[in-house]
Protein backbone atom coordinates (compact mmCIF):
# COMPACT_ATOMS: atom_id res chain seq x y z
CA MET A 1 134.57 7.58 37.19
CA ILE A 2 131.27 7.25 38.43
CA LYS A 3 131.27 10.57 37.68
CA LYS A 4 132.15 9.90 34.23
CA ILE A 5 129.32 6.65 33.74
CA LEU A 6 126.27 8.96 35.08
CA LEU A 7 127.07 11.38 32.87
CA ILE A 8 127.37 9.49 29.94
CA LEU A 9 124.13 7.42 30.99
CA LEU A 10 122.68 11.54 31.61
CA PHE A 11 123.60 12.12 28.25
CA ILE A 12 122.00 8.98 26.73
CA THR A 13 119.11 9.42 28.37
CA ASN A 14 118.10 12.96 26.81
CA ALA A 15 119.32 11.76 23.55
CA PHE A 16 116.26 9.38 23.71
CA ALA A 17 114.24 12.30 24.86
CA TYR A 18 114.26 13.92 21.10
CA TYR A 19 113.75 10.22 19.37
CA ASP A 20 110.77 9.78 17.56
CA PHE A 21 110.22 6.37 18.12
CA GLY A 22 106.93 6.72 15.64
CA VAL A 23 103.28 5.31 17.02
CA LEU A 24 102.52 1.77 18.46
CA GLY A 25 99.14 0.62 18.59
CA ASN A 26 95.59 2.25 17.94
CA THR A 27 94.76 6.08 18.22
CA TYR A 28 91.94 7.94 18.85
CA ILE A 29 90.44 10.84 18.36
CA ILE A 30 89.29 13.23 21.01
CA GLU A 31 86.16 13.42 21.49
CA GLU A 32 85.91 14.89 24.53
CA PRO A 33 84.54 18.93 24.58
CA ASP A 34 87.52 21.45 25.79
CA ALA A 35 87.75 23.30 28.46
CA LEU A 36 88.12 26.85 27.80
CA GLU A 37 84.71 25.75 25.10
CA GLU A 38 82.69 24.45 27.35
CA MET A 39 83.36 27.99 30.44
CA LYS A 40 82.43 30.07 27.56
CA LYS A 41 79.57 28.84 26.92
CA ALA A 42 78.31 28.16 30.21
CA TYR A 43 79.62 31.83 30.65
CA GLU A 44 76.92 32.85 27.69
CA GLN A 45 73.93 31.08 29.30
CA THR A 46 74.72 32.29 32.70
CA ASP A 47 72.39 35.10 33.51
CA LYS A 48 74.21 38.06 34.88
CA LYS A 49 72.29 40.15 36.19
CA ALA A 50 70.96 37.50 38.77
CA LEU A 51 74.32 36.08 39.35
CA LYS A 52 75.92 39.53 40.49
CA LYS A 53 72.68 39.67 42.84
CA GLU A 54 73.30 36.59 43.92
CA LEU A 55 76.68 37.53 44.82
CA ILE A 56 76.08 41.34 46.15
CA ASP A 57 73.37 39.29 48.78
CA GLU A 58 75.43 37.50 50.08
CA TYR A 59 78.28 40.08 50.15
CA LYS A 60 75.58 41.97 52.27
CA LYS A 61 73.95 39.72 53.97
CA ASN A 62 77.98 38.86 56.15
CA LEU A 63 77.98 42.81 56.70
CA VAL A 64 75.30 42.73 59.29
CA GLY A 65 76.69 42.95 62.80
CA ASN A 66 74.47 41.53 65.26
CA ILE A 67 76.53 41.99 68.77
CA HIS A 68 73.28 42.93 71.19
CA LEU A 69 75.07 46.01 73.71
CA PRO A 70 72.36 47.83 75.77
CA TYR A 71 72.43 51.92 74.92
CA CYS A 72 74.55 53.64 78.06
CA LYS A 73 72.48 54.71 80.69
CA LYS A 74 75.27 57.75 81.68
CA ASN A 75 78.17 59.20 80.56
CA SER A 76 81.06 57.33 82.23
CA THR A 77 85.05 56.65 81.50
CA ARG A 78 86.80 53.98 82.21
CA LYS A 79 91.03 53.56 81.94
CA ILE A 80 92.54 49.95 81.34
CA ASP A 81 96.28 49.98 81.65
CA LEU A 82 97.56 47.49 78.95
CA PHE A 83 101.06 47.67 80.47
CA ASN A 84 100.01 45.28 83.34
CA LYS A 85 97.66 43.39 81.60
CA ARG A 86 98.43 40.29 79.83
CA ALA A 87 96.55 38.14 77.24
CA PRO A 88 94.26 35.80 79.49
CA TYR A 89 93.88 33.43 76.74
CA ASP A 90 94.98 32.80 73.07
CA ILE A 91 93.67 36.20 70.79
CA ASP A 92 92.85 35.25 67.73
CA ILE A 93 91.02 37.86 64.95
CA GLU A 94 91.59 36.29 61.86
CA GLU A 95 89.65 39.75 59.96
CA VAL A 96 92.87 42.26 60.85
CA ASP A 97 95.27 39.25 61.20
CA ILE A 98 95.88 39.42 65.20
CA HIS A 99 97.69 36.66 66.75
CA ILE A 100 97.97 36.73 70.93
CA LYS A 101 99.18 33.98 72.77
CA ALA A 102 97.97 33.71 76.49
CA GLY A 103 100.40 35.43 78.88
CA THR A 104 101.75 37.73 76.54
CA PRO A 105 101.98 41.26 77.85
CA LEU A 106 99.16 43.60 75.84
CA SER A 107 102.33 46.35 76.01
CA ASP A 108 103.79 44.80 73.73
CA PHE A 109 101.36 45.56 71.05
CA TYR A 110 100.09 49.13 71.87
CA GLN A 111 103.26 50.73 73.48
CA ASN A 112 103.39 53.60 70.84
CA VAL A 113 99.80 53.37 68.88
CA HIS A 114 97.51 55.91 69.36
CA LEU A 115 94.48 53.88 68.04
CA LYS A 116 90.76 55.38 68.45
CA TYR A 117 87.63 54.22 67.63
CA ALA A 118 83.59 54.56 67.75
CA LEU A 119 81.45 51.67 68.43
CA MET A 120 77.44 52.28 67.83
CA ASN A 121 75.01 50.57 67.06
CA ALA A 122 74.39 50.65 63.05
CA THR A 123 70.15 50.36 63.94
CA SER A 124 70.01 53.79 65.86
CA PRO A 125 69.83 56.82 63.78
CA ASP A 126 70.27 58.62 67.86
CA GLU A 127 73.81 57.40 67.68
CA PHE A 128 74.27 58.05 63.14
CA SER A 129 73.64 61.81 64.41
CA TRP A 130 76.14 61.29 67.44
CA LEU A 131 78.63 59.90 65.42
CA LYS A 132 78.36 62.79 63.58
CA SER A 133 79.68 64.91 66.03
CA GLN A 134 82.74 63.09 66.96
CA LYS A 135 85.84 63.75 66.11
CA VAL A 136 86.28 59.54 64.84
CA GLN A 137 87.10 58.15 61.28
CA ASN A 138 86.57 54.98 63.01
CA VAL A 139 84.06 53.09 63.68
CA ILE A 140 82.78 49.33 65.34
CA ILE A 141 79.03 48.42 64.72
CA THR A 142 77.78 45.91 67.40
CA GLU A 143 74.00 46.11 65.04
CA GLY A 144 72.93 47.15 61.90
CA ILE A 145 74.53 46.97 58.47
CA LEU A 146 77.93 47.82 58.20
CA ASP A 147 77.14 48.78 53.80
CA GLU A 148 75.49 52.10 56.06
CA LEU A 149 78.97 53.89 57.04
CA LYS A 150 80.72 54.67 53.53
CA LYS A 151 81.77 57.62 54.62
CA TYR A 152 84.39 56.56 57.50
CA SER A 153 87.57 55.80 56.06
CA GLN A 154 88.04 51.96 58.71
CA LYS A 155 84.73 49.80 59.27
CA PHE A 156 84.14 46.96 61.24
CA ILE A 157 81.86 44.60 62.73
CA LEU A 158 81.90 44.26 66.57
CA ASN A 159 82.97 40.87 67.43
CA THR A 160 82.67 38.79 70.75
CA THR A 161 86.65 38.32 71.69
CA LEU A 162 86.81 42.12 71.13
CA LYS A 163 84.25 42.46 72.62
CA ASP A 164 85.06 40.53 75.71
CA ALA A 165 88.70 41.45 75.77
CA PHE A 166 88.20 45.52 76.21
CA GLU A 167 85.06 45.10 78.15
CA PHE A 168 82.05 46.98 75.78
CA LYS A 169 79.24 47.24 77.97
CA CYS A 170 77.09 49.54 75.96
CA THR A 171 76.69 51.52 72.71
CA PRO A 172 77.29 54.53 71.49
CA THR A 173 81.19 54.64 72.69
CA ILE A 174 84.52 55.99 72.32
CA PHE A 175 87.63 53.58 72.98
CA GLU A 176 90.95 55.24 72.58
CA ILE A 177 94.56 53.31 73.19
CA LYS A 178 97.34 55.91 73.35
CA LYS A 179 100.45 55.79 75.64
CA GLY A 180 99.39 52.31 76.54
CA VAL A 181 96.10 52.98 78.03
CA LEU A 182 92.86 51.80 76.63
CA ASN A 183 90.38 55.25 77.43
CA ILE A 184 86.56 53.76 77.24
CA TYR A 185 84.65 56.79 77.07
CA GLU A 186 80.62 55.98 77.35
CA TYR A 187 78.10 58.78 75.85
CA GLU A 188 74.40 58.79 77.17
CA ILE A 189 72.58 60.56 74.13
CA LYS A 190 68.87 61.97 73.67
CA ARG A 191 67.50 59.74 72.07
CA LYS A 192 63.86 60.42 69.66
CA GLU A 193 63.07 57.01 70.26
CA GLU A 194 62.63 57.01 73.47
CA ALA A 195 60.49 60.02 73.38
CA GLN A 196 58.14 58.27 71.68
C-alpha cells in the first residue's frame, strides 16, 4: 500500500515539473556581462609574448638543482645490500609518487629491479665530458639547470631525501641497483678548471 502511495506522489511531483505556472512578480533583464565573452576579451588583450616568456622563465626557475656535493677526490666503490636494510623513516618522494613507510624492507622495492643513473653537477663542463663517456641514459643533477641535458631520456634533480637515503657524497657518481644491491661508483676525474 505504501509503495502505491509513494508511486502516486512521485508521479504527481514529476507532472508538476512540466507544468508552466507563468510569471509571478517583476522580471528584470540580465545586465551582467557574459562570462565567456569576458574571458575572450581578456584573452585578446593579453600580451601573449610576455605571458609565454613569464611561463617559460617560471618553468626554468623550477628546473634548477641546488644541492651542493663536493667533487670526488678518488675512485671508490661502495655497496649497500638493500635486502638487509629497512627504511629508517617515512620516505615520500612526491615527484615520482614513491611513499615508503618507516621499517619497510627496501628489498620489497628493489628485488627484481635494475636501475642505473649518473649523478652529476650540471655546472661543471668536465662532468658533462665525463657523462658523454658513460653508458647511461638516466641522469640526476645536483646543481645547475636540468634543461641542459636534452639528449637524456630520464633526467631529475636530486632532492635531500634521495641524497640521504643513498648516502651520496660527491660528484660524479654512477649508482646502480642490481639484484637488491645498491652499487655506488664515485669517480675522480681530471678537471680543466683545477688546472687553471
